[in-house]
Amino acid sequence: MKRRHPLRRIMIGVAATASGVVLLLALKQPGGSSVAVATVPPGGVAAPPAGAPRAPGDPAADAPAADAPAAGAPSAGARDAGAEDAGAQDAAVPAPKAPAASRPARPAAPRVRTVLGDAVDTQYGPVQVQLTLSGTKIVKAAAVQAPGSDAQSKSVTANALPQLNQAAVTAQSAGIDAVSGASYTSKGYRDSLQSALDKAGV
């Protein structure tokens, strides 16, 4: 039997260790990054490691990367952020207020006017009536002319006119009764009152 030399065993161990170190150094790129090992698909061509230059005409070099996003296309995070900003803007815009219920327009106040009737001659003097109307309603009647040439006529007129004025406002027409003892004055008053109503269109 051959004797094994201890020195030989030591040399073989040192050579194996040195080979392992050289292999580890060869598997690392300059800068400390590990070199990706090319994998060969069944029946295909081994893809070069990432970052390695590809030869012209290589089908893998001409094919676009499947995972690379299209130029100018927003990322999913950017789309989500844009959607959140749009939602925040919509929430910040106040909703339009409903129009307030329109109040019914108030009716216009009736126009107040004064109409002067014709002067009507009587046996004791002329009688002329003036009316104050609010719209078509008589609110006041007054005699601007009345018999009063003598003391008796003045007395009769002073007694008859207040009754005739009140009767015109109450009746709202010229259909009023004559005052006792002042028939001529009463007739002249009714005729002037009717002319005033005609002018007013009542």
C-alpha atoms as a PDB file:
ATOM      1  CA  MET A   1       0.000   0.000   0.000  1.00  0.00           C
ATOM      2  CA  LYS A   2       1.021   3.529  -0.833  1.00  0.00           C
ATOM      3  CA  ARG A   3       1.471   5.907   2.015  1.00  0.00           C
ATOM      4  CA  ARG A   4      -0.471   9.127   1.909  1.00  0.00           C
ATOM      5  CA  HIS A   5       1.649  12.168   2.357  1.00  0.00           C
ATOM      6  CA  PRO A   6       0.185  14.842   4.627  1.00  0.00           C
ATOM      7  CA  LEU A   7       1.794  17.601   2.588  1.00  0.00           C
ATOM      8  CA  ARG A   8      -0.058  16.499  -0.510  1.00  0.00           C
ATOM      9  CA  ARG A   9      -3.385  16.581   1.264  1.00  0.00           C
ATOM     10  CA  ILE A  10      -2.649  20.085   2.455  1.00  0.00           C
ATOM     11  CA  MET A  11      -1.778  21.256  -1.054  1.00  0.00           C
ATOM     12  CA  ILE A  12      -4.986  19.773  -2.477  1.00  0.00           C
ATOM     13  CA  GLY A  13      -7.074  21.566   0.197  1.00  0.00           C
ATOM     14  CA  VAL A  14      -5.359  24.893  -0.467  1.00  0.00           C
ATOM     15  CA  ALA A  15      -5.912  24.511  -4.226  1.00  0.00           C
ATOM     16  CA  ALA A  16      -9.632  23.737  -3.704  1.00  0.00           C
ATOM     17  CA  THR A  17     -10.071  26.761  -1.441  1.00  0.00           C
ATOM     18  CA  ALA A  18      -8.318  29.052  -3.916  1.00  0.00           C
ATOM     19  CA  SER A  19     -10.514  27.739  -6.743  1.00  0.00           C
ATOM     20  CA  GLY A  20     -13.654  28.462  -4.700  1.00  0.00           C
ATOM     21  CA  VAL A  21     -12.538  32.037  -3.955  1.00  0.00           C
ATOM     22  CA  VAL A  22     -11.729  32.674  -7.628  1.00  0.00           C
ATOM     23  CA  LEU A  23     -15.152  31.328  -8.623  1.00  0.00           C
ATOM     24  CA  LEU A  24     -16.935  33.594  -6.121  1.00  0.00           C
ATOM     25  CA  LEU A  25     -15.013  36.625  -7.350  1.00  0.00           C
ATOM     26  CA  ALA A  26     -15.848  35.784 -10.947  1.00  0.00           C
ATOM     27  CA  LEU A  27     -19.597  35.662 -10.129  1.00  0.00           C
ATOM     28  CA  LYS A  28     -19.597  39.226  -8.809  1.00  0.00           C
ATOM     29  CA  GLN A  29     -19.663  42.379 -10.972  1.00  0.00           C
ATOM     30  CA  PRO A  30     -17.485  45.360 -10.263  1.00  0.00           C
ATOM     31  CA  GLY A  31     -19.290  47.462  -7.630  1.00  0.00           C
ATOM     32  CA  GLY A  32     -20.497  44.483  -5.594  1.00  0.00           C
ATOM     33  CA  SER A  33     -23.719  43.552  -7.501  1.00  0.00           C
ATOM     34  CA  SER A  34     -24.244  39.900  -8.222  1.00  0.00           C
ATOM     35  CA  VAL A  35     -24.292  38.747 -11.806  1.00  0.00           C
ATOM     36  CA  ALA A  36     -27.696  37.358 -12.826  1.00  0.00           C
ATOM     37  CA  VAL A  37     -27.474  33.832 -14.082  1.00  0.00           C
ATOM     38  CA  ALA A  38     -29.058  33.350 -17.494  1.00  0.00           C
ATOM     39  CA  THR A  39     -31.857  30.848 -17.574  1.00  0.00           C
ATOM     40  CA  VAL A  40     -32.580  28.736 -20.619  1.00  0.00           C
ATOM     41  CA  PRO A  41     -36.270  27.961 -21.240  1.00  0.00           C
ATOM     42  CA  PRO A  42     -37.038  24.548 -22.660  1.00  0.00           C
ATOM     43  CA  GLY A  43     -36.336  24.578 -26.374  1.00  0.00           C
ATOM     44  CA  GLY A  44     -35.411  28.290 -26.307  1.00  0.00           C
ATOM     45  CA  VAL A  45     -32.447  30.595 -26.246  1.00  0.00           C
ATOM     46  CA  ALA A  46     -30.969  31.788 -23.000  1.00  0.00           C
ATOM     47  CA  ALA A  47     -31.924  35.362 -22.181  1.00  0.00           C
ATOM     48  CA  PRO A  48     -28.960  37.589 -21.401  1.00  0.00           C
ATOM     49  CA  PRO A  49     -28.677  38.941 -17.863  1.00  0.00           C
ATOM     50  CA  ALA A  50     -30.278  42.271 -17.060  1.00  0.00           C
ATOM     51  CA  GLY A  51     -28.107  45.202 -18.081  1.00  0.00           C
ATOM     52  CA  ALA A  52     -25.997  43.172 -20.476  1.00  0.00           C
ATOM     53  CA  PRO A  53     -25.727  44.574 -24.064  1.00  0.00           C
ATOM     54  CA  ARG A  54     -27.675  42.626 -26.664  1.00  0.00           C
ATOM     55  CA  ALA A  55     -26.438  41.753 -30.086  1.00  0.00           C
ATOM     56  CA  PRO A  56     -28.115  43.347 -33.137  1.00  0.00           C
ATOM     57  CA  GLY A  57     -30.796  41.117 -34.634  1.00  0.00           C
ATOM     58  CA  ASP A  58     -31.530  39.487 -31.289  1.00  0.00           C
ATOM     59  CA  PRO A  59     -35.330  38.896 -31.103  1.00  0.00           C
ATOM     60  CA  ALA A  60     -35.233  39.642 -27.402  1.00  0.00           C
ATOM     61  CA  ALA A  61     -33.590  43.011 -28.120  1.00  0.00           C
ATOM     62  CA  ASP A  62     -36.292  44.006 -30.610  1.00  0.00           C
ATOM     63  CA  ALA A  63     -39.256  43.026 -28.372  1.00  0.00           C
ATOM     64  CA  PRO A  64     -40.438  45.759 -25.969  1.00  0.00           C
ATOM     65  CA  ALA A  65     -40.307  45.043 -22.295  1.00  0.00           C
ATOM     66  CA  ALA A  66     -43.672  43.696 -21.145  1.00  0.00           C
ATOM     67  CA  ASP A  67     -43.545  45.288 -17.717  1.00  0.00           C
ATOM     68  CA  ALA A  68     -42.346  48.751 -18.843  1.00  0.00           C
ATOM     69  CA  PRO A  69     -45.126  51.378 -18.692  1.00  0.00           C
ATOM     70  CA  ALA A  70     -45.928  53.278 -21.902  1.00  0.00           C
ATOM     71  CA  ALA A  71     -44.278  56.667 -22.257  1.00  0.00           C
ATOM     72  CA  GLY A  72     -46.465  59.457 -20.934  1.00  0.00           C
ATOM     73  CA  ALA A  73     -49.000  57.054 -19.363  1.00  0.00           C
ATOM     74  CA  PRO A  74     -49.902  57.995 -15.764  1.00  0.00           C
ATOM     75  CA  SER A  75     -49.105  55.487 -13.105  1.00  0.00           C
ATOM     76  CA  ALA A  76     -51.805  53.857 -10.986  1.00  0.00           C
ATOM     77  CA  GLY A  77     -50.826  56.032  -8.018  1.00  0.00           C
ATOM     78  CA  ALA A  78     -51.091  59.197 -10.143  1.00  0.00           C
ATOM     79  CA  ARG A  79     -54.547  58.138 -11.387  1.00  0.00           C
ATOM     80  CA  ASP A  80     -55.731  57.486  -7.822  1.00  0.00           C
ATOM     81  CA  ALA A  81     -54.366  60.859  -6.672  1.00  0.00           C
ATOM     82  CA  GLY A  82     -56.103  62.619  -9.588  1.00  0.00           C
ATOM     83  CA  ALA A  83     -59.390  60.917  -8.740  1.00  0.00           C
ATOM     84  CA  GLU A  84     -59.060  61.987  -5.081  1.00  0.00           C
ATOM     85  CA  ASP A  85     -58.315  65.601  -6.129  1.00  0.00           C
ATOM     86  CA  ALA A  86     -61.374  65.635  -8.449  1.00  0.00           C
ATOM     87  CA  GLY A  87     -63.545  64.267  -5.638  1.00  0.00           C
ATOM     88  CA  ALA A  88     -62.217  66.899  -3.237  1.00  0.00           C
ATOM     89  CA  GLN A  89     -62.956  69.677  -5.754  1.00  0.00           C
ATOM     90  CA  ASP A  90     -66.497  68.367  -6.268  1.00  0.00           C
ATOM     91  CA  ALA A  91     -67.039  68.289  -2.506  1.00  0.00           C
ATOM     92  CA  ALA A  92     -65.700  71.842  -2.125  1.00  0.00           C
ATOM     93  CA  VAL A  93     -68.143  73.309  -4.667  1.00  0.00           C
ATOM     94  CA  PRO A  94     -71.346  74.264  -2.779  1.00  0.00           C
ATOM     95  CA  ALA A  95     -74.608  72.970  -4.153  1.00  0.00           C
ATOM     96  CA  PRO A  96     -76.770  75.647  -5.801  1.00  0.00           C
ATOM     97  CA  LYS A  97     -79.424  77.003  -3.483  1.00  0.00           C
ATOM     98  CA  ALA A  98     -83.015  76.435  -4.399  1.00  0.00           C
ATOM     99  CA  PRO A  99     -84.764  79.649  -5.413  1.00  0.00           C
ATOM    100  CA  ALA A 100     -86.865  81.142  -2.665  1.00  0.00           C
ATOM    101  CA  ALA A 101     -90.588  80.895  -3.136  1.00  0.00           C
ATOM    102  CA  SER A 102     -91.780  84.019  -4.868  1.00  0.00           C
ATOM    103  CA  ARG A 103     -94.126  86.106  -2.808  1.00  0.00           C
ATOM    104  CA  PRO A 104     -97.423  87.064  -4.377  1.00  0.00           C
ATOM    105  CA  ALA A 105     -97.376  90.584  -5.697  1.00  0.00           C
ATOM    106  CA  ARG A 106     -99.382  93.031  -3.662  1.00  0.00           C
ATOM    107  CA  PRO A 107    -102.267  94.594  -5.503  1.00  0.00           C
ATOM    108  CA  ALA A 108    -101.689  98.187  -6.460  1.00  0.00           C
ATOM    109  CA  ALA A 109    -103.473 100.722  -4.297  1.00  0.00           C
ATOM    110  CA  PRO A 110    -106.539 102.258  -5.984  1.00  0.00           C
ATOM    111  CA  ARG A 111    -105.896 105.624  -7.578  1.00  0.00           C
ATOM    112  CA  VAL A 112    -107.513 108.511  -5.756  1.00  0.00           C
ATOM    113  CA  ARG A 113    -108.945 111.195  -8.036  1.00  0.00           C
ATOM    114  CA  THR A 114    -111.249 114.199  -7.942  1.00  0.00           C
ATOM    115  CA  VAL A 115    -113.995 114.743 -10.531  1.00  0.00           C
ATOM    116  CA  LEU A 116    -116.021 117.937 -10.896  1.00  0.00           C
ATOM    117  CA  GLY A 117    -119.588 117.649 -12.169  1.00  0.00           C
ATOM    118  CA  ASP A 118    -121.375 120.150 -14.382  1.00  0.00           C
ATOM    119  CA  ALA A 119    -122.921 123.251 -12.862  1.00  0.00           C
ATOM    120  CA  VAL A 120    -126.721 122.917 -12.975  1.00  0.00           C
ATOM    121  CA  ASP A 121    -128.893 126.052 -12.804  1.00  0.00           C
ATOM    122  CA  THR A 122    -131.906 126.040 -10.480  1.00  0.00           C
ATOM    123  CA  GLN A 123    -134.601 128.584  -9.610  1.00  0.00           C
ATOM    124  CA  TYR A 124    -132.503 129.805  -6.699  1.00  0.00           C
ATOM    125  CA  GLY A 125    -129.033 129.524  -8.254  1.00  0.00           C
ATOM    126  CA  PRO A 126    -126.530 127.021  -9.704  1.00  0.00           C
ATOM    127  CA  VAL A 127    -125.553 123.740  -7.988  1.00  0.00           C
ATOM    128  CA  GLN A 128    -122.225 121.983  -8.779  1.00  0.00           C
ATOM    129  CA  VAL A 129    -120.977 118.778  -7.113  1.00  0.00           C
ATOM    130  CA  GLN A 130    -117.351 117.598  -6.747  1.00  0.00           C
ATOM    131  CA  LEU A 131    -116.565 113.922  -6.040  1.00  0.00           C
ATOM    132  CA  THR A 132    -113.438 112.280  -4.570  1.00  0.00           C
ATOM    133  CA  LEU A 133    -113.094 108.679  -5.707  1.00  0.00           C
ATOM    134  CA  SER A 134    -110.717 105.837  -4.789  1.00  0.00           C
ATOM    135  CA  GLY A 135    -110.819 103.688  -7.869  1.00  0.00           C
ATOM    136  CA  THR A 136    -114.552 103.569  -8.575  1.00  0.00           C
ATOM    137  CA  LYS A 137    -115.694 104.146  -4.990  1.00  0.00           C
ATOM    138  CA  ILE A 138    -117.087 107.532  -3.877  1.00  0.00           C
ATOM    139  CA  VAL A 139    -115.254 108.483  -0.675  1.00  0.00           C
ATOM    140  CA  LYS A 140    -116.372 112.124  -0.493  1.00  0.00           C
ATOM    141  CA  ALA A 141    -119.032 114.389  -2.072  1.00  0.00           C
ATOM    142  CA  ALA A 142    -119.220 118.151  -1.733  1.00  0.00           C
ATOM    143  CA  ALA A 143    -121.138 121.013  -3.348  1.00  0.00           C
ATOM    144  CA  VAL A 144    -118.717 123.681  -4.603  1.00  0.00           C
ATOM    145  CA  GLN A 145    -121.658 125.837  -5.769  1.00  0.00           C
ATOM    146  CA  ALA A 146    -125.088 126.089  -4.134  1.00  0.00           C
ATOM    147  CA  PRO A 147    -127.968 128.639  -3.934  1.00  0.00           C
ATOM    148  CA  GLY A 148    -127.348 131.409  -1.398  1.00  0.00           C
ATOM    149  CA  SER A 149    -128.465 134.687  -2.861  1.00  0.00           C
ATOM    150  CA  ASP A 150    -130.603 135.546   0.171  1.00  0.00           C
ATOM    151  CA  ALA A 151    -130.924 134.577   3.787  1.00  0.00           C
ATOM    152  CA  GLN A 152    -133.662 132.020   3.157  1.00  0.00           C
ATOM    153  CA  SER A 153    -131.714 130.294   0.356  1.00  0.00           C
ATOM    154  CA  LYS A 154    -128.629 130.169   2.568  1.00  0.00           C
ATOM    155  CA  SER A 155    -130.650 128.563   5.362  1.00  0.00           C
ATOM    156  CA  VAL A 156    -132.179 125.953   3.061  1.00  0.00           C
ATOM    157  CA  THR A 157    -128.777 125.174   1.479  1.00  0.00           C
ATOM    158  CA  ALA A 158    -127.057 124.863   4.869  1.00  0.00           C
ATOM    159  CA  ASN A 159    -129.648 122.288   5.919  1.00  0.00           C
ATOM    160  CA  ALA A 160    -129.844 120.306   2.650  1.00  0.00           C
ATOM    161  CA  LEU A 161    -126.213 119.972   1.517  1.00  0.00           C
ATOM    162  CA  PRO A 162    -124.855 117.830   4.419  1.00  0.00           C
ATOM    163  CA  GLN A 163    -127.725 115.364   3.910  1.00  0.00           C
ATOM    164  CA  LEU A 164    -127.205 115.255   0.136  1.00  0.00           C
ATOM    165  CA  ASN A 165    -123.426 114.742   0.494  1.00  0.00           C
ATOM    166  CA  GLN A 166    -123.899 111.837   2.921  1.00  0.00           C
ATOM    167  CA  ALA A 167    -126.594 110.290   0.741  1.00  0.00           C
ATOM    168  CA  ALA A 168    -124.261 110.325  -2.307  1.00  0.00           C
ATOM    169  CA  VAL A 169    -121.469 108.491  -0.414  1.00  0.00           C
ATOM    170  CA  THR A 170    -123.931 105.957   0.991  1.00  0.00           C
ATOM    171  CA  ALA A 171    -125.746 105.259  -2.282  1.00  0.00           C
ATOM    172  CA  GLN A 172    -122.577 105.312  -4.464  1.00  0.00           C
ATOM    173  CA  SER A 173    -124.834 106.662  -7.208  1.00  0.00           C
ATOM    174  CA  ALA A 174    -127.049 109.602  -8.102  1.00  0.00           C
ATOM    175  CA  GLY A 175    -130.204 107.752  -7.037  1.00  0.00           C
ATOM    176  CA  ILE A 176    -130.720 109.704  -3.790  1.00  0.00           C
ATOM    177  CA  ASP A 177    -133.848 111.128  -2.231  1.00  0.00           C
ATOM    178  CA  ALA A 178    -134.625 114.828  -2.193  1.00  0.00           C
ATOM    179  CA  VAL A 179    -134.353 116.721   1.071  1.00  0.00           C
ATOM    180  CA  SER A 180    -137.658 118.032   2.382  1.00  0.00           C
ATOM    181  CA  GLY A 181    -138.021 121.811   1.849  1.00  0.00           C
ATOM    182  CA  ALA A 182    -135.124 121.877  -0.719  1.00  0.00           C
ATOM    183  CA  SER A 183    -136.588 120.203  -3.793  1.00  0.00           C
ATOM    184  CA  TYR A 184    -134.952 122.537  -6.349  1.00  0.00           C
ATOM    185  CA  THR A 185    -131.563 122.288  -4.704  1.00  0.00           C
ATOM    186  CA  SER A 186    -131.905 118.488  -4.413  1.00  0.00           C
ATOM    187  CA  LYS A 187    -132.730 118.119  -8.130  1.00  0.00           C
ATOM    188  CA  GLY A 188    -129.818 120.305  -9.196  1.00  0.00           C
ATOM    189  CA  TYR A 189    -127.527 118.322  -6.859  1.00  0.00           C
ATOM    190  CA  ARG A 190    -128.592 114.979  -8.380  1.00  0.00           C
ATOM    191  CA  ASP A 191    -128.052 116.206 -11.928  1.00  0.00           C
ATOM    192  CA  SER A 192    -124.552 117.540 -11.160  1.00  0.00           C
ATOM    193  CA  LEU A 193    -123.716 114.342  -9.246  1.00  0.00           C
ATOM    194  CA  GLN A 194    -124.701 112.204 -12.240  1.00  0.00           C
ATOM    195  CA  SER A 195    -122.522 114.256 -14.604  1.00  0.00           C
ATOM    196  CA  ALA A 196    -119.547 113.782 -12.256  1.00  0.00           C
ATOM    197  CA  LEU A 197    -120.111 110.008 -12.209  1.00  0.00           C
ATOM    198  CA  ASP A 198    -120.322 109.974 -15.994  1.00  0.00           C
ATOM    199  CA  LYS A 199    -117.001 111.802 -16.274  1.00  0.00           C
ATOM    200  CA  ALA A 200    -115.418 109.340 -13.829  1.00  0.00           C
ATOM    201  CA  GLY A 201    -116.727 106.369 -15.820  1.00  0.00           C
ATOM    202  CA  VAL A 202    -118.539 104.924 -12.828  1.00  0.00           C
END
